[in-house]
C-alpha cells in the first residue's frame, strides 16, 4: 500500500483508507452487504466507512482484510497504522464545543486540499479575513458584545489561515462579487484593513482573487460555494455549500461537474486578477 497520508489530517486519512478498502472489496468480488455481514454491521455502515464518513475500528479493518484475502503482514500493518492515524484528533477538534458538527469535516478536508476554489457573494472568504472583519461577521456587527462562542469561532478562522503559509500551501482561487469590495463590514477602518490584507495576500503566487463586476453578477451561480481538489487519486474533488442550518458536501461526479462548470463561467465573467486588484485598490481609496 502506497503511503499517501503524509501531513494529511484525520478526515483525509479516513477517506483514503475507505477508498483503499473499497478497491480491495471490489477486487475480491464481495458486495457491501457481504462485507457488512462479515463484521456484524449493516451495508450502510460499509458505505459510510468506504466514504470516510465514520471512524474505523482496528478489529473491523483486520476482519475485512482477512475477508478480502490480504495476508501480507506488512500490508496489513500499513492498514492498521493508517487506522491509528485516522483516529488522531485534528488540531481543530479543540474547538468542537463551538463549531457545528457538520463543519468538522470541512476543516479537515480544507487542510488536505491541494487547490481551494471558492465563490463568495457577501464577504471576503474566511481564509482571507482579518481578525476584526471576522469578529464583526461572527457578532452580527456587535463586536463589543462578543460571546465566548464567537471569540472561539474567530480563533478557529484565524488558525485555519495558517495553511496558506505552509511550504506546501494549497492554491487558493477566490471569486467575489463586486459588492463585497464596498460592503463596510465592521465599519470604515475594519473595511479598509480588510482590503489591505487581501491586496497583500494576493501578491503571493498561490493566492488569486477575481472580482465579478455588478453588470455580470448573478449569472454564473446563485449562491456561494467551495470546491476542494486533492492531489491524492484516492480523494475525489468535493463541493461544499453552506446554508443557515448546516453544510452540504457534494462528491457525486455530476454534482462536481456542475460546480466546475460554474467556476469556469465565473472565470469568464470575472475581471482578470490584475484588473481585480485595480478594482480593490479603487475601493480602498474610496473607503
Protein backbone atom coordinates (compact mmCIF):
# COMPACT_ATOMS: atom_id res chain seq x y z
CA UNK A 1 0.00 0.00 0.00
CA UNK A 2 1.45 3.36 -1.02
CA UNK A 3 1.66 5.89 1.80
CA UNK A 4 -0.26 8.95 0.66
CA UNK A 5 -1.04 10.33 4.07
CA UNK A 6 1.98 12.49 4.91
CA UNK A 7 0.82 15.76 6.52
CA UNK A 8 -2.84 14.88 5.97
CA UNK A 9 -5.45 15.29 8.67
CA UNK A 10 -7.64 12.51 10.03
CA UNK A 11 -10.55 13.35 7.69
CA UNK A 12 -8.43 12.81 4.59
CA UNK A 13 -6.83 9.70 6.08
CA UNK A 14 -10.26 8.16 6.69
CA UNK A 15 -11.24 8.84 3.08
CA UNK A 16 -8.01 7.35 1.74
CA UNK A 17 -8.38 4.26 3.95
CA UNK A 18 -12.01 3.84 2.94
CA UNK A 19 -11.17 4.16 -0.74
CA UNK A 20 -8.44 1.52 -0.47
CA UNK A 21 -10.76 -0.87 1.35
CA UNK A 22 -13.43 -0.36 -1.31
CA UNK A 23 -10.97 -1.28 -4.06
CA UNK A 24 -9.95 -4.41 -2.16
CA UNK A 25 -13.59 -5.41 -1.69
CA UNK A 26 -14.42 -4.93 -5.36
CA UNK A 27 -11.32 -6.82 -6.46
CA UNK A 28 -12.29 -9.71 -4.18
CA UNK A 29 -15.81 -9.75 -5.62
CA UNK A 30 -17.76 -9.02 -2.44
CA UNK A 31 -20.78 -6.72 -2.09
CA UNK A 32 -21.15 -4.16 0.68
CA UNK A 33 -23.78 -6.42 2.22
CA UNK A 34 -21.26 -9.31 2.26
CA UNK A 35 -18.66 -7.14 3.95
CA UNK A 36 -21.16 -5.84 6.48
CA UNK A 37 -22.28 -9.34 7.40
CA UNK A 38 -18.65 -10.37 7.95
CA UNK A 39 -18.05 -7.65 10.55
CA UNK A 40 -21.56 -7.81 12.04
CA UNK A 41 -22.55 -4.46 10.55
CA UNK A 42 -25.03 -3.10 8.04
CA UNK A 43 -24.45 -2.43 4.37
CA UNK A 44 -24.92 1.27 5.05
CA UNK A 45 -22.11 1.20 7.60
CA UNK A 46 -19.75 -0.27 5.00
CA UNK A 47 -20.79 2.52 2.65
CA UNK A 48 -20.03 5.14 5.31
CA UNK A 49 -16.67 3.50 6.09
CA UNK A 50 -15.68 3.44 2.44
CA UNK A 51 -16.58 7.11 2.09
CA UNK A 52 -14.56 8.00 5.20
CA UNK A 53 -17.62 9.36 6.97
CA UNK A 54 -17.11 7.43 10.23
CA UNK A 55 -14.15 6.30 12.31
CA UNK A 56 -12.60 2.87 11.78
CA UNK A 57 -12.04 0.18 14.38
CA UNK A 58 -8.86 -1.83 14.04
CA UNK A 59 -10.73 -5.11 14.60
CA UNK A 60 -13.16 -4.35 11.77
CA UNK A 61 -10.34 -3.50 9.37
CA UNK A 62 -8.45 -6.66 10.30
CA UNK A 63 -11.58 -8.77 9.67
CA UNK A 64 -12.20 -7.05 6.31
CA UNK A 65 -8.59 -7.55 5.23
CA UNK A 66 -8.93 -11.26 6.02
CA UNK A 67 -12.17 -11.46 4.05
CA UNK A 68 -10.53 -9.71 1.08
CA UNK A 69 -7.58 -12.11 1.10
CA UNK A 70 -4.90 -9.70 2.31
CA UNK A 71 -2.40 -11.94 4.08
CA UNK A 72 0.84 -10.00 3.70
CA UNK A 73 1.76 -8.87 7.22
CA UNK A 74 3.49 -5.68 6.10
CA UNK A 75 0.46 -4.61 4.07
CA UNK A 76 -1.86 -5.41 6.97
CA UNK A 77 0.37 -3.43 9.35
CA UNK A 78 0.26 -0.43 7.00
CA UNK A 79 -3.53 -0.51 7.00
CA UNK A 80 -3.67 -0.71 10.78
CA UNK A 81 -1.22 2.15 11.10
CA UNK A 82 -3.50 4.20 8.87
CA UNK A 83 -6.41 3.30 11.18
CA UNK A 84 -4.44 4.72 14.12
CA UNK A 85 -3.53 7.87 12.17
CA UNK A 86 -7.13 8.41 11.09
CA UNK A 87 -8.22 8.27 14.74
CA UNK A 88 -5.86 11.02 15.88
CA UNK A 89 -7.66 14.27 16.70
CA UNK A 90 -7.11 17.16 14.31
CA UNK A 91 -5.96 20.50 15.74
CA UNK A 92 -9.45 21.91 15.12
CA UNK A 93 -11.13 19.44 17.44
CA UNK A 94 -10.26 21.57 20.45
CA UNK A 95 -12.88 23.96 19.03
CA UNK A 96 -15.58 21.26 18.91
CA UNK A 97 -17.63 22.89 21.67
CA UNK A 98 -18.04 25.97 19.48
CA UNK A 99 -18.01 24.50 15.98
CA UNK A 100 -21.03 22.91 14.27
CA UNK A 101 -20.53 19.17 13.81
CA UNK A 102 -21.11 19.46 10.08
CA UNK A 103 -18.16 21.87 9.78
CA UNK A 104 -15.63 19.47 11.31
CA UNK A 105 -15.15 17.52 8.09
CA UNK A 106 -14.79 20.69 6.03
CA UNK A 107 -11.87 21.95 8.13
CA UNK A 108 -10.18 18.55 7.86
CA UNK A 109 -10.64 18.42 4.09
CA UNK A 110 -9.51 22.02 3.68
CA UNK A 111 -6.27 21.12 5.48
CA UNK A 112 -5.63 18.33 2.96
CA UNK A 113 -6.65 20.14 -0.24
CA UNK A 114 -4.16 20.93 -2.97
CA UNK A 115 -6.44 23.56 -4.52
CA UNK A 116 -9.30 25.54 -2.98
CA UNK A 117 -11.72 27.33 -5.28
CA UNK A 118 -14.44 29.46 -3.74
CA UNK A 119 -17.12 31.94 -4.74
CA UNK A 120 -18.49 34.49 -2.28
CA UNK A 121 -21.38 36.91 -2.66
CA UNK A 122 -21.33 38.74 0.67
CA UNK A 123 -17.93 38.56 2.35
CA UNK A 124 -14.30 38.01 1.59
CA UNK A 125 -13.55 34.28 2.09
CA UNK A 126 -12.75 33.21 5.62
CA UNK A 127 -9.17 32.29 4.69
CA UNK A 128 -8.55 35.92 3.72
CA UNK A 129 -10.32 37.69 6.56
CA UNK A 130 -8.69 39.87 9.22
CA UNK A 131 -9.48 39.12 12.83
CA UNK A 132 -11.61 42.26 13.18
CA UNK A 133 -13.56 41.58 9.97
CA UNK A 134 -14.24 38.01 11.09
CA UNK A 135 -15.30 39.22 14.53
CA UNK A 136 -17.75 41.69 13.00
CA UNK A 137 -19.30 38.84 11.00
CA UNK A 138 -19.43 36.43 13.94
CA UNK A 139 -21.08 39.02 16.21
CA UNK A 140 -23.52 40.37 13.61
CA UNK A 141 -21.88 43.78 13.75
CA UNK A 142 -21.63 44.00 17.55
CA UNK A 143 -18.01 43.01 18.31
CA UNK A 144 -18.08 44.73 21.69
CA UNK A 145 -20.65 42.14 22.78
CA UNK A 146 -18.78 39.10 21.51
CA UNK A 147 -19.69 35.88 23.30
CA UNK A 148 -17.23 33.16 24.26
CA UNK A 149 -18.52 31.10 21.34
CA UNK A 150 -18.00 33.96 18.87
CA UNK A 151 -14.46 34.54 20.12
CA UNK A 152 -13.69 30.82 19.73
CA UNK A 153 -15.01 30.80 16.16
CA UNK A 154 -12.84 33.79 15.31
CA UNK A 155 -9.80 31.98 16.72
CA UNK A 156 -10.70 28.92 14.66
CA UNK A 157 -10.91 31.03 11.50
CA UNK A 158 -7.54 32.63 12.20
CA UNK A 159 -5.98 29.22 12.87
CA UNK A 160 -7.34 27.87 9.57
CA UNK A 161 -5.45 30.59 7.72
CA UNK A 162 -2.07 29.11 8.67
CA UNK A 163 -2.39 26.62 5.82
CA UNK A 164 -1.78 29.48 3.36
CA UNK A 165 1.72 29.94 4.78
CA UNK A 166 2.85 26.31 4.79
CA UNK A 167 5.67 25.27 2.45
CA UNK A 168 3.10 23.03 0.70
CA UNK A 169 0.31 25.61 0.83
CA UNK A 170 -2.71 24.90 -1.38
CA UNK A 171 -3.51 27.15 -4.29
CA UNK A 172 -6.41 29.42 -3.38
CA UNK A 173 -8.56 30.90 -6.12
CA UNK A 174 -11.38 33.08 -4.86
CA UNK A 175 -14.04 34.88 -6.86
CA UNK A 176 -16.04 37.58 -5.09
CA UNK A 177 -18.94 39.75 -6.12
CA UNK A 178 -18.05 43.42 -6.59
CA UNK A 179 -20.44 44.30 -3.76
CA UNK A 180 -18.02 42.62 -1.33
CA UNK A 181 -15.48 45.36 -2.06
CA UNK A 182 -17.88 48.07 -0.90
CA UNK A 183 -19.76 46.38 1.95
CA UNK A 184 -18.31 48.09 5.08
CA UNK A 185 -18.32 45.10 7.41
CA UNK A 186 -17.21 46.28 10.86
CA UNK A 187 -17.04 49.93 9.89
CA UNK A 188 -14.67 52.02 7.80
CA UNK A 189 -11.37 51.15 9.49
CA UNK A 190 -12.07 47.41 9.57
CA UNK A 191 -13.20 47.53 5.95
CA UNK A 192 -10.05 49.35 4.83
CA UNK A 193 -7.79 46.97 6.77
CA UNK A 194 -9.58 44.02 5.16
CA UNK A 195 -8.95 45.39 1.67
CA UNK A 196 -5.30 45.99 2.59
CA UNK A 197 -4.95 42.37 3.73
CA UNK A 198 -6.46 40.95 0.56
CA UNK A 199 -4.20 43.12 -1.57
CA UNK A 200 -1.19 41.92 0.43
CA UNK A 201 -2.16 38.25 0.25
CA UNK A 202 -2.85 38.31 -3.49
CA UNK A 203 0.76 39.35 -4.03
CA UNK A 204 1.61 35.75 -3.07
CA UNK A 205 1.88 33.49 -6.13
CA UNK A 206 -0.52 30.81 -4.86
CA UNK A 207 -3.40 33.18 -3.96
CA UNK A 208 -5.66 34.67 -6.62
CA UNK A 209 -8.76 36.82 -6.21
CA UNK A 210 -11.03 37.81 -9.08
CA UNK A 211 -13.97 40.20 -8.91
CA UNK A 212 -17.27 39.75 -10.76
CA UNK A 213 -18.47 43.28 -11.67
CA UNK A 214 -22.02 44.35 -10.92
CA UNK A 215 -23.20 44.10 -14.52
CA UNK A 216 -22.21 40.41 -14.76
CA UNK A 217 -23.15 39.37 -11.24
CA UNK A 218 -25.67 36.61 -10.62
CA UNK A 219 -25.45 34.72 -13.90
CA UNK A 220 -22.87 32.01 -13.20
CA UNK A 221 -24.05 30.95 -9.74
CA UNK A 222 -26.96 31.60 -7.41
CA UNK A 223 -25.06 31.37 -4.14
CA UNK A 224 -21.68 30.91 -2.50
CA UNK A 225 -19.84 27.58 -2.69
CA UNK A 226 -16.40 25.99 -2.45
CA UNK A 227 -14.67 23.25 -4.43
CA UNK A 228 -11.81 21.33 -2.82
CA UNK A 229 -9.39 19.49 -5.10
CA UNK A 230 -6.83 16.95 -3.90
CA UNK A 231 -3.57 15.63 -5.28
CA UNK A 232 -4.20 12.08 -3.99
CA UNK A 233 -6.00 9.87 -6.51
CA UNK A 234 -7.95 8.25 -3.66
CA UNK A 235 -9.65 11.54 -2.78
CA UNK A 236 -12.44 12.81 -5.03
CA UNK A 237 -12.98 16.51 -5.61
CA UNK A 238 -15.58 17.72 -3.14
CA UNK A 239 -18.01 20.60 -3.37
CA UNK A 240 -19.29 22.34 -0.27
CA UNK A 241 -22.34 24.58 0.08
CA UNK A 242 -23.16 26.15 3.42
CA UNK A 243 -26.63 27.30 4.41
CA UNK A 244 -28.26 28.72 7.52
CA UNK A 245 -28.81 25.33 9.14
CA UNK A 246 -25.79 23.33 8.00
CA UNK A 247 -23.45 22.40 5.20
CA UNK A 248 -23.85 20.08 2.21
CA UNK A 249 -20.97 18.02 0.78
CA UNK A 250 -21.17 17.16 -2.91
CA UNK A 251 -18.91 14.41 -4.25
CA UNK A 252 -21.02 12.76 -6.95
CA UNK A 253 -19.38 13.26 -10.37
CA UNK A 254 -22.43 15.04 -11.83
CA UNK A 255 -22.55 17.50 -8.93
CA UNK A 256 -18.81 18.18 -9.06
CA UNK A 257 -19.02 18.67 -12.82
CA UNK A 258 -21.81 21.22 -12.35
CA UNK A 259 -19.71 23.12 -9.81
CA UNK A 260 -16.74 23.01 -12.19
CA UNK A 261 -18.83 24.49 -15.00
CA UNK A 262 -19.99 27.29 -12.70
CA UNK A 263 -16.37 28.03 -11.81
CA UNK A 264 -15.45 28.11 -15.49
CA UNK A 265 -18.25 30.60 -16.12
CA UNK A 266 -17.14 32.70 -13.15
CA UNK A 267 -13.60 32.80 -14.53
CA UNK A 268 -15.02 34.24 -17.75
CA UNK A 269 -17.42 36.69 -16.08
CA UNK A 270 -14.90 37.96 -13.53
CA UNK A 271 -12.26 40.54 -14.25
CA UNK A 272 -8.68 39.34 -14.61
CA UNK A 273 -6.60 39.13 -11.44
CA UNK A 274 -4.70 42.31 -12.40
CA UNK A 275 -7.89 44.21 -13.19
CA UNK A 276 -9.45 42.87 -9.99
CA UNK A 277 -6.53 44.26 -7.98
CA UNK A 278 -7.14 47.65 -9.58
CA UNK A 279 -10.79 47.44 -8.54
CA UNK A 280 -9.76 46.63 -4.97
CA UNK A 281 -7.28 49.50 -4.94
CA UNK A 282 -10.04 51.86 -6.06
CA UNK A 283 -12.40 50.51 -3.40
CA UNK A 284 -9.64 51.05 -0.83
CA UNK A 285 -9.16 54.64 -1.98
CA UNK A 286 -12.90 55.26 -1.78
CA UNK A 287 -13.36 53.65 1.62
